[in-house]
Amino acid sequence: MNKLEQKVASILLRNAADVLSNNGCNDFSLRKDAGLTDEESSRLIQSLNDYNSVHNSFGFEPEDLDSDIVMDWMLCYMLASKLEES
C-alpha cells in the first residue's frame, strides 16, 4: 500500500470501529472468522496487549483477552493506528 491508500484505509477502519462498537455483539473469532492458526492468533493477541499497554485505549487487562475471541472494534482501532504509524 502506498501512503495515500494507508491513510484512506486507516480512516475506513476507524469509521468501521465506531460502527462496530455500537453493535450488540462484538465477538470476532480469530480462528473461525479470520482463519488464523493458534500461533497467529496468539501473536495478534500479543499485538493487542502491546498496543493497549502503550495507548491504554481499551481499558482491559491482558488476562481479559481470550486466545481466540476479541472485540472487532479493538482490532479495527489497532490496525488503523498501525497503518498511521507506518
N, C-alpha and C. Protein backbone atom coordinates (compact mmCIF):
# COMPACT_ATOMS: atom_id res chain seq x y z
N MET A 1 0.84 -1.19 0.00
CA MET A 1 0.00 0.00 0.00
C MET A 1 0.88 1.24 0.00
N ASN A 2 0.45 2.22 -0.77
CA ASN A 2 1.16 3.48 -0.70
C ASN A 2 0.57 4.33 0.43
N LYS A 3 1.17 5.47 0.71
CA LYS A 3 0.77 6.31 1.85
C LYS A 3 -0.68 6.78 1.74
N LEU A 4 -1.11 7.15 0.55
CA LEU A 4 -2.49 7.61 0.36
C LEU A 4 -3.47 6.47 0.65
N GLU A 5 -3.18 5.29 0.17
CA GLU A 5 -4.05 4.13 0.44
C GLU A 5 -4.07 3.79 1.92
N GLN A 6 -2.92 3.89 2.57
CA GLN A 6 -2.86 3.66 4.01
C GLN A 6 -3.71 4.67 4.78
N LYS A 7 -3.65 5.92 4.36
CA LYS A 7 -4.43 6.96 5.03
C LYS A 7 -5.93 6.67 4.90
N VAL A 8 -6.37 6.32 3.71
CA VAL A 8 -7.79 6.05 3.49
C VAL A 8 -8.22 4.78 4.23
N ALA A 9 -7.38 3.75 4.20
CA ALA A 9 -7.70 2.51 4.92
C ALA A 9 -7.82 2.77 6.42
N SER A 10 -6.94 3.60 6.95
CA SER A 10 -6.99 3.94 8.36
C SER A 10 -8.29 4.66 8.71
N ILE A 11 -8.69 5.60 7.89
CA ILE A 11 -9.95 6.32 8.12
C ILE A 11 -11.13 5.35 8.06
N LEU A 12 -11.13 4.47 7.08
CA LEU A 12 -12.22 3.49 6.96
C LEU A 12 -12.25 2.55 8.17
N LEU A 13 -11.09 2.12 8.63
CA LEU A 13 -11.04 1.23 9.80
C LEU A 13 -11.56 1.94 11.06
N ARG A 14 -11.20 3.19 11.23
CA ARG A 14 -11.69 3.94 12.40
C ARG A 14 -13.22 4.14 12.31
N ASN A 15 -13.72 4.43 11.12
CA ASN A 15 -15.17 4.56 10.95
C ASN A 15 -15.86 3.23 11.23
N ALA A 16 -15.29 2.15 10.73
CA ALA A 16 -15.86 0.82 10.97
C ALA A 16 -15.83 0.50 12.46
N ALA A 17 -14.76 0.86 13.14
CA ALA A 17 -14.66 0.60 14.58
C ALA A 17 -15.75 1.33 15.34
N ASP A 18 -16.02 2.57 14.95
CA ASP A 18 -17.09 3.33 15.60
C ASP A 18 -18.45 2.65 15.42
N VAL A 19 -18.71 2.17 14.22
CA VAL A 19 -19.98 1.48 13.95
C VAL A 19 -20.03 0.15 14.69
N LEU A 20 -18.96 -0.62 14.61
CA LEU A 20 -18.93 -1.94 15.25
C LEU A 20 -19.06 -1.84 16.76
N SER A 21 -18.50 -0.80 17.35
CA SER A 21 -18.55 -0.69 18.82
C SER A 21 -19.97 -0.48 19.32
N ASN A 22 -20.88 -0.08 18.45
CA ASN A 22 -22.28 0.12 18.84
C ASN A 22 -23.14 -1.12 18.61
N ASN A 23 -22.57 -2.18 18.05
CA ASN A 23 -23.32 -3.42 17.82
C ASN A 23 -23.50 -4.17 19.13
N GLY A 24 -24.51 -4.99 19.19
CA GLY A 24 -24.78 -5.77 20.40
C GLY A 24 -23.72 -6.82 20.66
N CYS A 25 -23.21 -7.43 19.63
CA CYS A 25 -22.19 -8.47 19.78
C CYS A 25 -20.96 -8.05 19.01
N ASN A 26 -19.84 -7.99 19.70
CA ASN A 26 -18.59 -7.56 19.07
C ASN A 26 -17.57 -8.68 18.97
N ASP A 27 -18.01 -9.91 19.19
CA ASP A 27 -17.09 -11.04 19.17
C ASP A 27 -16.57 -11.30 17.77
N PHE A 28 -15.26 -11.44 17.67
CA PHE A 28 -14.61 -11.78 16.41
C PHE A 28 -13.66 -12.93 16.70
N SER A 29 -13.93 -14.07 16.09
CA SER A 29 -13.08 -15.24 16.29
C SER A 29 -11.89 -15.18 15.35
N LEU A 30 -10.71 -15.12 15.94
CA LEU A 30 -9.51 -15.06 15.11
C LEU A 30 -9.32 -16.33 14.31
N ARG A 31 -9.75 -17.45 14.86
CA ARG A 31 -9.60 -18.72 14.14
C ARG A 31 -10.70 -18.92 13.11
N LYS A 32 -11.95 -18.75 13.54
CA LYS A 32 -13.08 -19.02 12.64
C LYS A 32 -13.29 -17.89 11.63
N ASP A 33 -13.36 -16.65 12.10
CA ASP A 33 -13.67 -15.52 11.22
C ASP A 33 -12.49 -15.08 10.37
N ALA A 34 -11.28 -15.15 10.94
CA ALA A 34 -10.10 -14.70 10.21
C ALA A 34 -9.27 -15.85 9.65
N GLY A 35 -9.58 -17.07 10.09
CA GLY A 35 -8.84 -18.23 9.58
C GLY A 35 -7.41 -18.32 10.08
N LEU A 36 -7.12 -17.75 11.25
CA LEU A 36 -5.76 -17.78 11.77
C LEU A 36 -5.48 -19.10 12.48
N THR A 37 -4.21 -19.45 12.49
CA THR A 37 -3.77 -20.61 13.26
C THR A 37 -3.67 -20.21 14.73
N ASP A 38 -3.46 -21.19 15.61
CA ASP A 38 -3.29 -20.89 17.03
C ASP A 38 -2.11 -19.93 17.24
N GLU A 39 -1.02 -20.18 16.53
CA GLU A 39 0.17 -19.34 16.68
C GLU A 39 -0.10 -17.91 16.19
N GLU A 40 -0.77 -17.78 15.05
CA GLU A 40 -1.09 -16.46 14.53
C GLU A 40 -2.04 -15.72 15.47
N SER A 41 -3.01 -16.45 15.99
CA SER A 41 -3.96 -15.88 16.94
C SER A 41 -3.23 -15.34 18.17
N SER A 42 -2.32 -16.13 18.70
CA SER A 42 -1.52 -15.71 19.87
C SER A 42 -0.71 -14.46 19.57
N ARG A 43 -0.13 -14.39 18.39
CA ARG A 43 0.67 -13.22 18.02
C ARG A 43 -0.19 -11.97 17.92
N LEU A 44 -1.40 -12.12 17.37
CA LEU A 44 -2.28 -10.96 17.25
C LEU A 44 -2.79 -10.51 18.62
N ILE A 45 -3.08 -11.46 19.49
CA ILE A 45 -3.47 -11.12 20.87
C ILE A 45 -2.34 -10.35 21.54
N GLN A 46 -1.11 -10.79 21.33
CA GLN A 46 0.04 -10.08 21.90
C GLN A 46 0.14 -8.67 21.34
N SER A 47 -0.14 -8.50 20.05
CA SER A 47 -0.14 -7.16 19.46
C SER A 47 -1.19 -6.27 20.10
N LEU A 48 -2.38 -6.82 20.36
CA LEU A 48 -3.42 -6.05 21.04
C LEU A 48 -2.98 -5.66 22.45
N ASN A 49 -2.37 -6.59 23.16
CA ASN A 49 -1.86 -6.29 24.50
C ASN A 49 -0.80 -5.20 24.46
N ASP A 50 0.12 -5.31 23.51
CA ASP A 50 1.19 -4.31 23.38
C ASP A 50 0.60 -2.94 23.05
N TYR A 51 -0.34 -2.91 22.12
CA TYR A 51 -0.99 -1.66 21.73
C TYR A 51 -1.70 -1.04 22.93
N ASN A 52 -2.44 -1.85 23.66
CA ASN A 52 -3.18 -1.35 24.81
C ASN A 52 -2.25 -0.83 25.90
N SER A 53 -1.12 -1.50 26.10
CA SER A 53 -0.20 -1.06 27.15
C SER A 53 0.44 0.29 26.82
N VAL A 54 0.62 0.58 25.55
CA VAL A 54 1.20 1.86 25.13
C VAL A 54 0.14 2.95 25.09
N HIS A 55 -1.00 2.66 24.49
CA HIS A 55 -2.03 3.68 24.27
C HIS A 55 -3.11 3.69 25.35
N ASN A 56 -3.18 2.61 26.14
CA ASN A 56 -4.17 2.47 27.20
C ASN A 56 -5.56 2.89 26.73
N SER A 57 -5.93 2.44 25.55
CA SER A 57 -7.17 2.90 24.96
C SER A 57 -8.34 1.94 25.10
N PHE A 58 -8.08 0.71 25.52
CA PHE A 58 -9.16 -0.26 25.56
C PHE A 58 -9.67 -0.54 26.96
N GLY A 59 -8.90 -0.22 27.98
CA GLY A 59 -9.33 -0.42 29.34
C GLY A 59 -9.49 -1.88 29.74
N PHE A 60 -8.60 -2.74 29.30
CA PHE A 60 -8.64 -4.14 29.69
C PHE A 60 -7.27 -4.57 30.16
N GLU A 61 -7.25 -5.65 30.87
CA GLU A 61 -6.00 -6.27 31.30
C GLU A 61 -5.70 -7.43 30.36
N PRO A 62 -4.42 -7.75 30.17
CA PRO A 62 -4.07 -8.84 29.25
C PRO A 62 -4.81 -10.15 29.54
N GLU A 63 -5.04 -10.44 30.81
CA GLU A 63 -5.72 -11.70 31.12
C GLU A 63 -7.20 -11.67 30.73
N ASP A 64 -7.72 -10.48 30.39
CA ASP A 64 -9.12 -10.38 29.96
C ASP A 64 -9.32 -10.90 28.54
N LEU A 65 -8.25 -10.96 27.77
CA LEU A 65 -8.38 -11.38 26.37
C LEU A 65 -8.36 -12.89 26.25
N ASP A 66 -9.29 -13.39 25.49
CA ASP A 66 -9.36 -14.81 25.15
C ASP A 66 -8.26 -15.09 24.12
N SER A 67 -7.91 -16.33 23.95
CA SER A 67 -6.88 -16.67 22.96
C SER A 67 -7.45 -16.75 21.55
N ASP A 68 -8.77 -16.55 21.41
CA ASP A 68 -9.40 -16.64 20.10
C ASP A 68 -10.40 -15.51 19.84
N ILE A 69 -11.25 -15.20 20.81
CA ILE A 69 -12.31 -14.22 20.61
C ILE A 69 -11.85 -12.84 21.08
N VAL A 70 -11.93 -11.87 20.20
CA VAL A 70 -11.59 -10.49 20.54
C VAL A 70 -12.74 -9.59 20.09
N MET A 71 -12.70 -8.36 20.50
CA MET A 71 -13.69 -7.38 20.06
C MET A 71 -13.28 -6.86 18.68
N ASP A 72 -14.22 -6.91 17.73
CA ASP A 72 -13.92 -6.49 16.37
C ASP A 72 -13.45 -5.04 16.29
N TRP A 73 -14.07 -4.17 17.10
CA TRP A 73 -13.68 -2.76 17.04
C TRP A 73 -12.27 -2.53 17.57
N MET A 74 -11.83 -3.35 18.52
CA MET A 74 -10.46 -3.23 19.02
C MET A 74 -9.46 -3.48 17.90
N LEU A 75 -9.73 -4.53 17.14
CA LEU A 75 -8.83 -4.84 16.01
C LEU A 75 -8.80 -3.69 15.02
N CYS A 76 -9.96 -3.13 14.71
CA CYS A 76 -10.01 -2.03 13.75
C CYS A 76 -9.19 -0.83 14.23
N TYR A 77 -9.36 -0.46 15.49
CA TYR A 77 -8.60 0.69 16.03
C TYR A 77 -7.10 0.41 16.01
N MET A 78 -6.70 -0.78 16.44
CA MET A 78 -5.29 -1.10 16.46
C MET A 78 -4.70 -1.09 15.05
N LEU A 79 -5.39 -1.73 14.11
CA LEU A 79 -4.89 -1.78 12.73
C LEU A 79 -4.83 -0.38 12.11
N ALA A 80 -5.83 0.46 12.39
CA ALA A 80 -5.81 1.83 11.89
C ALA A 80 -4.60 2.57 12.42
N SER A 81 -4.33 2.43 13.70
CA SER A 81 -3.17 3.11 14.30
C SER A 81 -1.87 2.62 13.69
N LYS A 82 -1.78 1.32 13.47
CA LYS A 82 -0.54 0.78 12.88
C LYS A 82 -0.35 1.29 11.45
N LEU A 83 -1.45 1.43 10.71
CA LEU A 83 -1.34 2.00 9.36
C LEU A 83 -0.87 3.45 9.41
N GLU A 84 -1.38 4.19 10.38
CA GLU A 84 -0.98 5.60 10.52
C GLU A 84 0.49 5.74 10.92
N GLU A 85 0.98 4.79 11.70
CA GLU A 85 2.37 4.84 12.17
C GLU A 85 3.37 4.42 11.10
N SER A 86 2.92 3.65 10.12
CA SER A 86 3.87 3.13 9.12
C SER A 86 4.11 4.13 7.99
